[in-house]
Amino acid sequence: MSRYARQMILPEIGKAGQDRIRAAHVLVVGAGALGVPVLQYLTGAGIGRITLVDPDIIEVSNLHRQPLYREDQQGQPKALAAQRAMAGLNAEVEITPLVEWLTPANAPALVAGSDLVLDCADSHAVSYTLSDCCLEAGKPLISASALGLEGYVGGYCAGAPSLRAVFPDPSGSTATCASAGVLGPVVGMLGALQARMALGVIAGIAPSPLGLLVRMDGVMRFSQFRFDGAPENPGPRFVSRRDLRAGDLLIDLRDTAEAPATVTPDALRMPGYGATGPLPEPGGRAVIACRSGLRAWRAANELTTRWPGEIALMAAIGERE
């Protein structure tokens, strides 16, 4: 009996749907708590190819929500450990692990080479970079976020509005999984829902998950809404070092304790920049950098009150020193 018989018997899948699944190439960004169930269910379903991007190593603090990994694997790159585990689950699936950050420099080519993108990275910079690339390339994006006992999953781009249309400004966010915590099964459920939505897009199951946002609250109530008509919101874009231009005013918000060296040698170190501080030359551009990009987004919002020109963001965590 075919290993896929139980899903092929579904009228929504059948042989045609399974053929589409087998032919698909998906980009999975993040091999952590969201990425683990995504990888397991997509590999089990027989996805043809997976490119997996994750720069992190396995730590004991991961294990309560990333049960794919073991205590004796501490220190190993997650992408490599996940690739080995998935090879044991389904040798028919080709998985290419990349132990690196997803940045504005490598994202366009990675997105262009895939049929569908799954954002499992838990990073605003990654989420918005992927959304921008998917919108431009016409590729579907399934993105999720979890914190505490709640979270959401959405399907964006490829004919649906982008992430920016639904979440135009994340700069009010302060809590992270490290500061506020997260319950393992919560993020596991959301990752499984990401896999379900991805398979729905690939197999052509109606109605399309693109343009749909599903939310789970802290008492396990699910709600959803469609955002098919949401207008796009341009907002500041993330850039990498290679995108910098001559004449850019580059501001690094990190102090010396956080970063002994600025993001580039000519960057100005100004932790309080935004409402005050120097302005670019007329026709120039301000590029604001911090570790994750979130403080840079807040500073950009403050800067817009006194600078009408172009503003870009840089997440230094993904830039090689």
C-alpha atoms as a PDB file:
ATOM      1  CA  MET A   1       0.000   0.000   0.000  1.00  0.00           C
ATOM      2  CA  SER A   2       1.268   3.490  -0.816  1.00  0.00           C
ATOM      3  CA  ARG A   3       2.577   5.442   2.160  1.00  0.00           C
ATOM      4  CA  TYR A   4       0.326   8.302   1.003  1.00  0.00           C
ATOM      5  CA  ALA A   5      -2.843   6.197   0.634  1.00  0.00           C
ATOM      6  CA  ARG A   6      -4.608   7.767   3.626  1.00  0.00           C
ATOM      7  CA  GLN A   7      -4.275  11.263   2.219  1.00  0.00           C
ATOM      8  CA  MET A   8      -4.755  10.307  -1.434  1.00  0.00           C
ATOM      9  CA  ILE A   9      -8.136   8.771  -0.597  1.00  0.00           C
ATOM     10  CA  LEU A  10      -9.330  12.249   0.321  1.00  0.00           C
ATOM     11  CA  PRO A  11     -11.303  13.713  -2.610  1.00  0.00           C
ATOM     12  CA  GLU A  12      -9.519  17.034  -2.031  1.00  0.00           C
ATOM     13  CA  ILE A  13      -6.141  15.359  -2.681  1.00  0.00           C
ATOM     14  CA  GLY A  14      -6.389  12.288  -4.906  1.00  0.00           C
ATOM     15  CA  LYS A  15      -3.627  11.371  -7.337  1.00  0.00           C
ATOM     16  CA  ALA A  16      -3.559  14.826  -8.923  1.00  0.00           C
ATOM     17  CA  GLY A  17      -3.098  16.524  -5.561  1.00  0.00           C
ATOM     18  CA  GLN A  18      -0.407  14.073  -4.521  1.00  0.00           C
ATOM     19  CA  ASP A  19       1.414  14.698  -7.788  1.00  0.00           C
ATOM     20  CA  ARG A  20       1.386  18.425  -7.047  1.00  0.00           C
ATOM     21  CA  ILE A  21       2.692  17.780  -3.530  1.00  0.00           C
ATOM     22  CA  ARG A  22       5.482  15.554  -4.884  1.00  0.00           C
ATOM     23  CA  ALA A  23       6.481  18.179  -7.453  1.00  0.00           C
ATOM     24  CA  ALA A  24       6.538  21.103  -4.991  1.00  0.00           C
ATOM     25  CA  HIS A  25       9.633  22.878  -3.708  1.00  0.00           C
ATOM     26  CA  VAL A  26       9.029  24.759  -0.455  1.00  0.00           C
ATOM     27  CA  LEU A  27      11.265  27.159   1.442  1.00  0.00           C
ATOM     28  CA  VAL A  28      11.059  26.732   5.221  1.00  0.00           C
ATOM     29  CA  VAL A  29      12.712  29.521   7.208  1.00  0.00           C
ATOM     30  CA  GLY A  30      13.240  28.412  10.795  1.00  0.00           C
ATOM     31  CA  ALA A  31      13.777  24.941  12.271  1.00  0.00           C
ATOM     32  CA  GLY A  32      12.517  25.824  15.739  1.00  0.00           C
ATOM     33  CA  ALA A  33       9.172  25.402  17.464  1.00  0.00           C
ATOM     34  CA  LEU A  34       7.089  26.306  14.388  1.00  0.00           C
ATOM     35  CA  GLY A  35       9.460  24.696  11.930  1.00  0.00           C
ATOM     36  CA  VAL A  36       9.555  21.288  13.658  1.00  0.00           C
ATOM     37  CA  PRO A  37       5.883  20.325  13.019  1.00  0.00           C
ATOM     38  CA  VAL A  38       6.014  22.010   9.597  1.00  0.00           C
ATOM     39  CA  LEU A  39       8.964  19.847   8.583  1.00  0.00           C
ATOM     40  CA  GLN A  40       7.484  16.671  10.025  1.00  0.00           C
ATOM     41  CA  TYR A  41       4.087  17.019   8.360  1.00  0.00           C
ATOM     42  CA  LEU A  42       5.358  18.253   5.007  1.00  0.00           C
ATOM     43  CA  THR A  43       7.996  15.525   4.889  1.00  0.00           C
ATOM     44  CA  GLY A  44       5.410  12.946   5.876  1.00  0.00           C
ATOM     45  CA  ALA A  45       3.068  14.222   3.162  1.00  0.00           C
ATOM     46  CA  GLY A  46       5.733  13.688   0.505  1.00  0.00           C
ATOM     47  CA  ILE A  47       6.726  17.219  -0.473  1.00  0.00           C
ATOM     48  CA  GLY A  48       9.283  16.904  -3.251  1.00  0.00           C
ATOM     49  CA  ARG A  49      11.933  19.353  -2.048  1.00  0.00           C
ATOM     50  CA  ILE A  50      12.484  21.468   1.038  1.00  0.00           C
ATOM     51  CA  THR A  51      15.109  24.182   1.425  1.00  0.00           C
ATOM     52  CA  LEU A  52      15.564  24.752   5.153  1.00  0.00           C
ATOM     53  CA  VAL A  53      17.197  27.939   6.449  1.00  0.00           C
ATOM     54  CA  ASP A  54      18.200  28.297  10.104  1.00  0.00           C
ATOM     55  CA  PRO A  55      21.398  29.663  11.685  1.00  0.00           C
ATOM     56  CA  ASP A  56      20.822  28.406  15.255  1.00  0.00           C
ATOM     57  CA  ILE A  57      22.184  25.529  17.277  1.00  0.00           C
ATOM     58  CA  ILE A  58      20.207  23.215  19.559  1.00  0.00           C
ATOM     59  CA  GLU A  59      20.051  24.350  23.192  1.00  0.00           C
ATOM     60  CA  VAL A  60      18.450  22.640  26.155  1.00  0.00           C
ATOM     61  CA  SER A  61      15.997  25.559  26.548  1.00  0.00           C
ATOM     62  CA  ASN A  62      14.587  24.673  23.102  1.00  0.00           C
ATOM     63  CA  LEU A  63      13.568  21.136  23.956  1.00  0.00           C
ATOM     64  CA  HIS A  64      10.226  21.781  25.685  1.00  0.00           C
ATOM     65  CA  ARG A  65       8.782  23.114  22.411  1.00  0.00           C
ATOM     66  CA  GLN A  66      11.048  21.486  19.798  1.00  0.00           C
ATOM     67  CA  PRO A  67      10.694  17.760  20.549  1.00  0.00           C
ATOM     68  CA  LEU A  68      12.363  16.738  17.296  1.00  0.00           C
ATOM     69  CA  TYR A  69      15.727  17.332  18.986  1.00  0.00           C
ATOM     70  CA  ARG A  70      17.426  15.453  21.839  1.00  0.00           C
ATOM     71  CA  GLU A  71      19.576  16.404  24.795  1.00  0.00           C
ATOM     72  CA  ASP A  72      22.630  14.729  23.284  1.00  0.00           C
ATOM     73  CA  GLN A  73      22.330  16.988  20.209  1.00  0.00           C
ATOM     74  CA  GLN A  74      23.040  20.224  22.088  1.00  0.00           C
ATOM     75  CA  GLY A  75      25.385  22.426  20.098  1.00  0.00           C
ATOM     76  CA  GLN A  76      24.485  20.918  16.716  1.00  0.00           C
ATOM     77  CA  PRO A  77      23.008  23.179  14.008  1.00  0.00           C
ATOM     78  CA  LYS A  78      19.244  22.731  13.937  1.00  0.00           C
ATOM     79  CA  ALA A  79      19.092  22.706  10.141  1.00  0.00           C
ATOM     80  CA  LEU A  80      21.503  19.775   9.914  1.00  0.00           C
ATOM     81  CA  ALA A  81      19.888  17.826  12.757  1.00  0.00           C
ATOM     82  CA  ALA A  82      16.430  18.367  11.235  1.00  0.00           C
ATOM     83  CA  GLN A  83      17.644  17.237   7.808  1.00  0.00           C
ATOM     84  CA  ARG A  84      18.999  13.992   9.256  1.00  0.00           C
ATOM     85  CA  ALA A  85      15.769  13.343  11.169  1.00  0.00           C
ATOM     86  CA  MET A  86      13.604  13.992   8.105  1.00  0.00           C
ATOM     87  CA  ALA A  87      15.764  11.647   6.015  1.00  0.00           C
ATOM     88  CA  GLY A  88      14.765   8.913   8.442  1.00  0.00           C
ATOM     89  CA  LEU A  89      11.101   9.867   8.192  1.00  0.00           C
ATOM     90  CA  ASN A  90      10.870   9.950   4.391  1.00  0.00           C
ATOM     91  CA  ALA A  91      13.894   9.300   2.198  1.00  0.00           C
ATOM     92  CA  GLU A  92      11.883  10.371  -0.870  1.00  0.00           C
ATOM     93  CA  VAL A  93      11.970  14.020   0.232  1.00  0.00           C
ATOM     94  CA  GLU A  94      15.045  16.045  -0.729  1.00  0.00           C
ATOM     95  CA  ILE A  95      16.010  18.489   2.023  1.00  0.00           C
ATOM     96  CA  THR A  96      18.723  21.116   1.558  1.00  0.00           C
ATOM     97  CA  PRO A  97      19.813  22.606   4.917  1.00  0.00           C
ATOM     98  CA  LEU A  98      21.365  26.079   4.981  1.00  0.00           C
ATOM     99  CA  VAL A  99      22.984  27.080   8.274  1.00  0.00           C
ATOM    100  CA  GLU A 100      22.653  30.821   7.809  1.00  0.00           C
ATOM    101  CA  TRP A 101      20.412  33.795   8.472  1.00  0.00           C
ATOM    102  CA  LEU A 102      17.630  34.745   6.112  1.00  0.00           C
ATOM    103  CA  THR A 103      18.445  38.347   5.131  1.00  0.00           C
ATOM    104  CA  PRO A 104      17.443  40.842   2.438  1.00  0.00           C
ATOM    105  CA  ALA A 105      20.618  39.747   0.625  1.00  0.00           C
ATOM    106  CA  ASN A 106      19.786  36.041   0.171  1.00  0.00           C
ATOM    107  CA  ALA A 107      15.984  36.113   0.449  1.00  0.00           C
ATOM    108  CA  PRO A 108      15.102  37.119  -3.145  1.00  0.00           C
ATOM    109  CA  ALA A 109      16.928  34.176  -4.736  1.00  0.00           C
ATOM    110  CA  LEU A 110      15.650  31.684  -2.146  1.00  0.00           C
ATOM    111  CA  VAL A 111      12.066  32.848  -2.613  1.00  0.00           C
ATOM    112  CA  ALA A 112      12.343  32.895  -6.405  1.00  0.00           C
ATOM    113  CA  GLY A 113      13.540  29.286  -6.409  1.00  0.00           C
ATOM    114  CA  SER A 114      10.601  27.975  -4.390  1.00  0.00           C
ATOM    115  CA  ASP A 115       6.932  27.330  -5.044  1.00  0.00           C
ATOM    116  CA  LEU A 116       5.786  28.288  -1.532  1.00  0.00           C
ATOM    117  CA  VAL A 117       7.410  29.886   1.512  1.00  0.00           C
ATOM    118  CA  LEU A 118       6.826  29.092   5.181  1.00  0.00           C
ATOM    119  CA  ASP A 119       7.890  31.697   7.716  1.00  0.00           C
ATOM    120  CA  CYS A 120       8.692  29.833  10.933  1.00  0.00           C
ATOM    121  CA  ALA A 121      11.448  32.156  12.136  1.00  0.00           C
ATOM    122  CA  ASP A 122       9.823  34.208  14.928  1.00  0.00           C
ATOM    123  CA  SER A 123      11.539  37.383  13.664  1.00  0.00           C
ATOM    124  CA  HIS A 124       9.903  40.594  12.472  1.00  0.00           C
ATOM    125  CA  ALA A 125      12.814  41.282  10.127  1.00  0.00           C
ATOM    126  CA  VAL A 126      12.503  37.835   8.542  1.00  0.00           C
ATOM    127  CA  SER A 127       8.701  37.970   8.308  1.00  0.00           C
ATOM    128  CA  TYR A 128       8.596  41.353   6.552  1.00  0.00           C
ATOM    129  CA  THR A 129      11.552  40.546   4.322  1.00  0.00           C
ATOM    130  CA  LEU A 130       9.871  37.315   3.198  1.00  0.00           C
ATOM    131  CA  SER A 131       6.552  39.076   2.684  1.00  0.00           C
ATOM    132  CA  ASP A 132       8.149  41.779   0.535  1.00  0.00           C
ATOM    133  CA  CYS A 133       9.979  39.187  -1.570  1.00  0.00           C
ATOM    134  CA  CYS A 134       6.908  36.945  -1.939  1.00  0.00           C
ATOM    135  CA  LEU A 135       4.714  39.865  -2.950  1.00  0.00           C
ATOM    136  CA  GLU A 136       7.192  40.904  -5.646  1.00  0.00           C
ATOM    137  CA  ALA A 137       7.739  37.328  -6.878  1.00  0.00           C
ATOM    138  CA  GLY A 138       4.082  36.280  -6.702  1.00  0.00           C
ATOM    139  CA  LYS A 139       4.885  33.397  -4.333  1.00  0.00           C
ATOM    140  CA  PRO A 140       2.524  32.283  -1.524  1.00  0.00           C
ATOM    141  CA  LEU A 141       3.677  32.866   2.052  1.00  0.00           C
ATOM    142  CA  ILE A 142       2.378  31.047   5.140  1.00  0.00           C
ATOM    143  CA  SER A 143       3.514  32.914   8.248  1.00  0.00           C
ATOM    144  CA  ALA A 144       2.841  32.229  11.929  1.00  0.00           C
ATOM    145  CA  SER A 145       3.591  33.798  15.283  1.00  0.00           C
ATOM    146  CA  ALA A 146       3.174  32.443  18.820  1.00  0.00           C
ATOM    147  CA  LEU A 147       3.624  33.988  22.243  1.00  0.00           C
ATOM    148  CA  GLY A 148       2.513  32.758  25.631  1.00  0.00           C
ATOM    149  CA  LEU A 149      -0.708  30.765  25.166  1.00  0.00           C
ATOM    150  CA  GLU A 150      -1.832  32.276  21.868  1.00  0.00           C
ATOM    151  CA  GLY A 151      -0.836  33.017  18.299  1.00  0.00           C
ATOM    152  CA  TYR A 152      -1.974  33.186  14.696  1.00  0.00           C
ATOM    153  CA  VAL A 153      -1.301  31.829  11.211  1.00  0.00           C
ATOM    154  CA  GLY A 154      -1.937  33.656   7.945  1.00  0.00           C
ATOM    155  CA  GLY A 155      -1.698  33.053   4.205  1.00  0.00           C
ATOM    156  CA  TYR A 156      -0.306  35.971   2.222  1.00  0.00           C
ATOM    157  CA  CYS A 157       0.753  37.101  -1.270  1.00  0.00           C
ATOM    158  CA  ALA A 158       0.346  35.248  -4.599  1.00  0.00           C
ATOM    159  CA  GLY A 159      -2.871  37.138  -5.293  1.00  0.00           C
ATOM    160  CA  ALA A 160      -3.685  37.845  -1.643  1.00  0.00           C
ATOM    161  CA  PRO A 161      -2.558  40.916   0.326  1.00  0.00           C
ATOM    162  CA  SER A 162       0.840  40.806   1.983  1.00  0.00           C
ATOM    163  CA  LEU A 163       1.734  40.617   5.666  1.00  0.00           C
ATOM    164  CA  ARG A 164       2.134  44.406   5.680  1.00  0.00           C
ATOM    165  CA  ALA A 165      -1.502  44.826   4.656  1.00  0.00           C
ATOM    166  CA  VAL A 166      -2.650  43.019   7.818  1.00  0.00           C
ATOM    167  CA  PHE A 167       0.136  44.085  10.206  1.00  0.00           C
ATOM    168  CA  PRO A 168       1.414  47.424   8.880  1.00  0.00           C
ATOM    169  CA  ASP A 169       3.470  48.322  11.941  1.00  0.00           C
ATOM    170  CA  PRO A 170       4.890  45.856  14.513  1.00  0.00           C
ATOM    171  CA  SER A 171       6.853  48.528  16.356  1.00  0.00           C
ATOM    172  CA  GLY A 172       4.528  48.436  19.369  1.00  0.00           C
ATOM    173  CA  SER A 173       5.557  44.855  20.100  1.00  0.00           C
ATOM    174  CA  THR A 174       7.785  44.410  23.129  1.00  0.00           C
ATOM    175  CA  ALA A 175       7.379  40.855  24.433  1.00  0.00           C
ATOM    176  CA  THR A 176       9.292  37.912  22.986  1.00  0.00           C
ATOM    177  CA  CYS A 177       9.291  34.193  23.697  1.00  0.00           C
ATOM    178  CA  ALA A 178      12.465  34.753  25.728  1.00  0.00           C
ATOM    179  CA  SER A 179      10.844  37.439  27.888  1.00  0.00           C
ATOM    180  CA  ALA A 180       7.186  36.312  28.028  1.00  0.00           C
ATOM    181  CA  GLY A 181       7.524  32.564  27.426  1.00  0.00           C
ATOM    182  CA  VAL A 182       5.535  30.199  25.225  1.00  0.00           C
ATOM    183  CA  LEU A 183       3.806  26.857  25.832  1.00  0.00           C
ATOM    184  CA  GLY A 184       5.162  24.086  23.641  1.00  0.00           C
ATOM    185  CA  PRO A 185       1.849  22.584  22.443  1.00  0.00           C
ATOM    186  CA  VAL A 186       0.574  26.055  21.491  1.00  0.00           C
ATOM    187  CA  VAL A 187       3.368  26.702  19.034  1.00  0.00           C
ATOM    188  CA  GLY A 188       3.200  23.085  17.872  1.00  0.00           C
ATOM    189  CA  MET A 189      -0.492  23.474  16.992  1.00  0.00           C
ATOM    190  CA  LEU A 190       0.221  26.630  15.036  1.00  0.00           C
ATOM    191  CA  GLY A 191       3.072  24.975  13.159  1.00  0.00           C
ATOM    192  CA  ALA A 192       0.786  22.071  12.273  1.00  0.00           C
ATOM    193  CA  LEU A 193      -1.770  24.593  11.016  1.00  0.00           C
ATOM    194  CA  GLN A 194       0.943  26.179   8.859  1.00  0.00           C
ATOM    195  CA  ALA A 195       1.600  22.773   7.292  1.00  0.00           C
ATOM    196  CA  ARG A 196      -2.139  22.290   6.690  1.00  0.00           C
ATOM    197  CA  MET A 197      -2.414  25.658   4.974  1.00  0.00           C
ATOM    198  CA  ALA A 198       0.693  24.992   2.867  1.00  0.00           C
ATOM    199  CA  LEU A 199      -0.661  21.646   1.673  1.00  0.00           C
ATOM    200  CA  GLY A 200      -3.983  23.318   0.931  1.00  0.00           C
ATOM    201  CA  VAL A 201      -2.288  25.851  -1.336  1.00  0.00           C
ATOM    202  CA  ILE A 202      -0.104  23.273  -3.068  1.00  0.00           C
ATOM    203  CA  ALA A 203      -2.895  20.741  -3.617  1.00  0.00           C
ATOM    204  CA  GLY A 204      -5.371  23.433  -4.640  1.00  0.00           C
ATOM    205  CA  ILE A 205      -7.886  22.757  -1.869  1.00  0.00           C
ATOM    206  CA  ALA A 206     -10.748  25.278  -1.799  1.00  0.00           C
ATOM    207  CA  PRO A 207     -11.312  27.699  -0.252  1.00  0.00           C
ATOM    208  CA  SER A 208      -7.750  28.974  -0.532  1.00  0.00           C
ATOM    209  CA  PRO A 209      -5.883  29.641   2.720  1.00  0.00           C
ATOM    210  CA  LEU A 210      -4.365  32.703   1.036  1.00  0.00           C
ATOM    211  CA  GLY A 211      -6.108  35.785   2.350  1.00  0.00           C
ATOM    212  CA  LEU A 212      -7.094  33.989   5.567  1.00  0.00           C
ATOM    213  CA  LEU A 213      -5.868  34.646   9.113  1.00  0.00           C
ATOM    214  CA  VAL A 214      -6.587  32.121  11.881  1.00  0.00           C
ATOM    215  CA  ARG A 215      -6.086  33.150  15.496  1.00  0.00           C
ATOM    216  CA  MET A 216      -5.960  31.034  18.657  1.00  0.00           C
ATOM    217  CA  ASP A 217      -6.448  32.870  21.942  1.00  0.00           C
ATOM    218  CA  GLY A 218      -5.243  32.001  25.419  1.00  0.00           C
ATOM    219  CA  VAL A 219      -8.209  29.734  26.240  1.00  0.00           C
ATOM    220  CA  MET A 220      -7.914  27.750  22.983  1.00  0.00           C
ATOM    221  CA  ARG A 221     -10.707  29.513  21.121  1.00  0.00           C
ATOM    222  CA  PHE A 222     -10.120  29.734  17.389  1.00  0.00           C
ATOM    223  CA  SER A 223     -11.350  32.603  15.256  1.00  0.00           C
ATOM    224  CA  GLN A 224     -10.652  33.582  11.675  1.00  0.00           C
ATOM    225  CA  PHE A 225     -11.245  36.297   9.141  1.00  0.00           C
ATOM    226  CA  ARG A 226     -10.458  36.930   5.510  1.00  0.00           C
ATOM    227  CA  PHE A 227      -8.499  39.991   4.431  1.00  0.00           C
ATOM    228  CA  ASP A 228      -8.685  39.618   0.646  1.00  0.00           C
ATOM    229  CA  GLY A 229      -9.410  43.303   0.095  1.00  0.00           C
ATOM    230  CA  ALA A 230      -6.907  44.762   2.569  1.00  0.00           C
ATOM    231  CA  PRO A 231      -4.898  47.629   1.016  1.00  0.00           C
ATOM    232  CA  GLU A 232      -1.135  47.329   0.839  1.00  0.00           C
ATOM    233  CA  ASN A 233       0.907  49.449   3.235  1.00  0.00           C
ATOM    234  CA  PRO A 234       4.441  50.197   2.000  1.00  0.00           C
ATOM    235  CA  GLY A 235       6.183  50.942   5.317  1.00  0.00           C
ATOM    236  CA  PRO A 236       9.980  50.874   5.763  1.00  0.00           C
ATOM    237  CA  ARG A 237      11.813  47.981   4.101  1.00  0.00           C
ATOM    238  CA  PHE A 238      14.666  45.957   5.520  1.00  0.00           C
ATOM    239  CA  VAL A 239      17.976  46.156   3.685  1.00  0.00           C
ATOM    240  CA  SER A 240      21.333  44.395   3.983  1.00  0.00           C
ATOM    241  CA  ARG A 241      24.859  45.763   3.849  1.00  0.00           C
ATOM    242  CA  ARG A 242      25.077  45.165   0.131  1.00  0.00           C
ATOM    243  CA  ASP A 243      22.000  47.394  -0.375  1.00  0.00           C
ATOM    244  CA  LEU A 244      23.656  50.433   1.210  1.00  0.00           C
ATOM    245  CA  ARG A 245      24.185  53.433  -1.045  1.00  0.00           C
ATOM    246  CA  ALA A 246      26.788  56.136  -1.101  1.00  0.00           C
ATOM    247  CA  GLY A 247      25.412  59.028   0.896  1.00  0.00           C
ATOM    248  CA  ASP A 248      23.154  56.963   3.174  1.00  0.00           C
ATOM    249  CA  LEU A 249      22.890  58.281   6.718  1.00  0.00           C
ATOM    250  CA  LEU A 250      23.429  55.057   8.674  1.00  0.00           C
ATOM    251  CA  ILE A 251      22.439  55.077  12.348  1.00  0.00           C
ATOM    252  CA  ASP A 252      23.213  52.199  14.747  1.00  0.00           C
ATOM    253  CA  LEU A 253      20.908  52.238  17.778  1.00  0.00           C
ATOM    254  CA  ARG A 254      22.968  49.710  19.750  1.00  0.00           C
ATOM    255  CA  ASP A 255      25.222  50.963  22.519  1.00  0.00           C
ATOM    256  CA  THR A 256      28.781  49.733  23.035  1.00  0.00           C
ATOM    257  CA  ALA A 257      27.715  47.161  25.626  1.00  0.00           C
ATOM    258  CA  GLU A 258      25.360  45.533  23.113  1.00  0.00           C
ATOM    259  CA  ALA A 259      27.674  45.833  20.121  1.00  0.00           C
ATOM    260  CA  PRO A 260      31.347  46.792  20.481  1.00  0.00           C
ATOM    261  CA  ALA A 261      31.466  47.618  16.753  1.00  0.00           C
ATOM    262  CA  THR A 262      28.824  49.459  14.731  1.00  0.00           C
ATOM    263  CA  VAL A 263      27.077  47.674  11.890  1.00  0.00           C
ATOM    264  CA  THR A 264      29.470  49.369   9.437  1.00  0.00           C
ATOM    265  CA  PRO A 265      32.582  51.438  10.207  1.00  0.00           C
ATOM    266  CA  ASP A 266      30.934  54.676   9.055  1.00  0.00           C
ATOM    267  CA  ALA A 267      27.672  54.194  10.978  1.00  0.00           C
ATOM    268  CA  LEU A 268      26.824  56.738  13.669  1.00  0.00           C
ATOM    269  CA  ARG A 269      26.191  55.183  17.076  1.00  0.00           C
ATOM    270  CA  MET A 270      23.087  56.969  18.413  1.00  0.00           C
ATOM    271  CA  PRO A 271      20.899  54.842  20.759  1.00  0.00           C
ATOM    272  CA  GLY A 272      18.317  57.627  21.186  1.00  0.00           C
ATOM    273  CA  TYR A 273      17.936  58.480  17.510  1.00  0.00           C
ATOM    274  CA  GLY A 274      14.537  59.212  16.001  1.00  0.00           C
ATOM    275  CA  ALA A 275      12.783  62.250  17.397  1.00  0.00           C
ATOM    276  CA  THR A 276      16.174  63.985  17.494  1.00  0.00           C
ATOM    277  CA  GLY A 277      19.446  63.578  15.654  1.00  0.00           C
ATOM    278  CA  PRO A 278      20.933  64.410  12.252  1.00  0.00           C
ATOM    279  CA  LEU A 279      18.920  64.176   9.037  1.00  0.00           C
ATOM    280  CA  PRO A 280      20.014  62.868   5.643  1.00  0.00           C
ATOM    281  CA  GLU A 281      20.977  65.264   2.915  1.00  0.00           C
ATOM    282  CA  PRO A 282      18.063  66.302   0.658  1.00  0.00           C
ATOM    283  CA  GLY A 283      17.240  63.384  -1.622  1.00  0.00           C
ATOM    284  CA  GLY A 284      19.191  61.014   0.626  1.00  0.00           C
ATOM    285  CA  ARG A 285      18.121  58.067   2.734  1.00  0.00           C
ATOM    286  CA  ALA A 286      18.223  57.208   6.417  1.00  0.00           C
ATOM    287  CA  VAL A 287      19.099  53.611   7.315  1.00  0.00           C
ATOM    288  CA  ILE A 288      18.467  52.702  10.950  1.00  0.00           C
ATOM    289  CA  ALA A 289      19.979  49.552  12.440  1.00  0.00           C
ATOM    290  CA  CYS A 290      19.464  47.612  15.652  1.00  0.00           C
ATOM    291  CA  ARG A 291      19.796  43.963  16.627  1.00  0.00           C
ATOM    292  CA  SER A 292      16.384  42.678  15.499  1.00  0.00           C
ATOM    293  CA  GLY A 293      14.978  45.621  13.538  1.00  0.00           C
ATOM    294  CA  LEU A 294      12.164  46.373  15.983  1.00  0.00           C
ATOM    295  CA  ARG A 295      13.790  49.352  17.716  1.00  0.00           C
ATOM    296  CA  ALA A 296      14.834  50.609  14.295  1.00  0.00           C
ATOM    297  CA  TRP A 297      11.180  50.518  13.196  1.00  0.00           C
ATOM    298  CA  ARG A 298      10.172  52.601  16.250  1.00  0.00           C
ATOM    299  CA  ALA A 299      12.941  55.096  15.537  1.00  0.00           C
ATOM    300  CA  ALA A 300      11.806  55.272  11.903  1.00  0.00           C
ATOM    301  CA  ASN A 301       8.278  56.145  13.037  1.00  0.00           C
ATOM    302  CA  GLU A 302       9.685  58.984  15.124  1.00  0.00           C
ATOM    303  CA  LEU A 303      11.895  60.138  12.287  1.00  0.00           C
ATOM    304  CA  THR A 304       8.936  60.425   9.890  1.00  0.00           C
ATOM    305  CA  THR A 305       7.601  63.330  11.974  1.00  0.00           C
ATOM    306  CA  ARG A 306      10.553  65.459  10.802  1.00  0.00           C
ATOM    307  CA  TRP A 307      11.898  63.715   7.682  1.00  0.00           C
ATOM    308  CA  PRO A 308       9.657  63.108   4.639  1.00  0.00           C
ATOM    309  CA  GLY A 309      12.241  61.155   2.673  1.00  0.00           C
ATOM    310  CA  GLU A 310      13.181  57.480   2.366  1.00  0.00           C
ATOM    311  CA  ILE A 311      13.866  55.408   5.475  1.00  0.00           C
ATOM    312  CA  ALA A 312      15.150  51.826   5.554  1.00  0.00           C
ATOM    313  CA  LEU A 313      15.799  49.364   8.372  1.00  0.00           C
ATOM    314  CA  MET A 314      18.611  46.938   9.086  1.00  0.00           C
ATOM    315  CA  ALA A 315      18.557  43.956  11.467  1.00  0.00           C
ATOM    316  CA  ALA A 316      22.180  43.613  12.516  1.00  0.00           C
ATOM    317  CA  ILE A 317      21.627  40.126  13.964  1.00  0.00           C
ATOM    318  CA  GLY A 318      21.573  38.688  10.453  1.00  0.00           C
ATOM    319  CA  GLU A 319      24.517  40.664   9.106  1.00  0.00           C
ATOM    320  CA  ARG A 320      27.962  39.076   9.242  1.00  0.00           C
ATOM    321  CA  GLU A 321      30.369  41.209  11.200  1.00  0.00           C
END
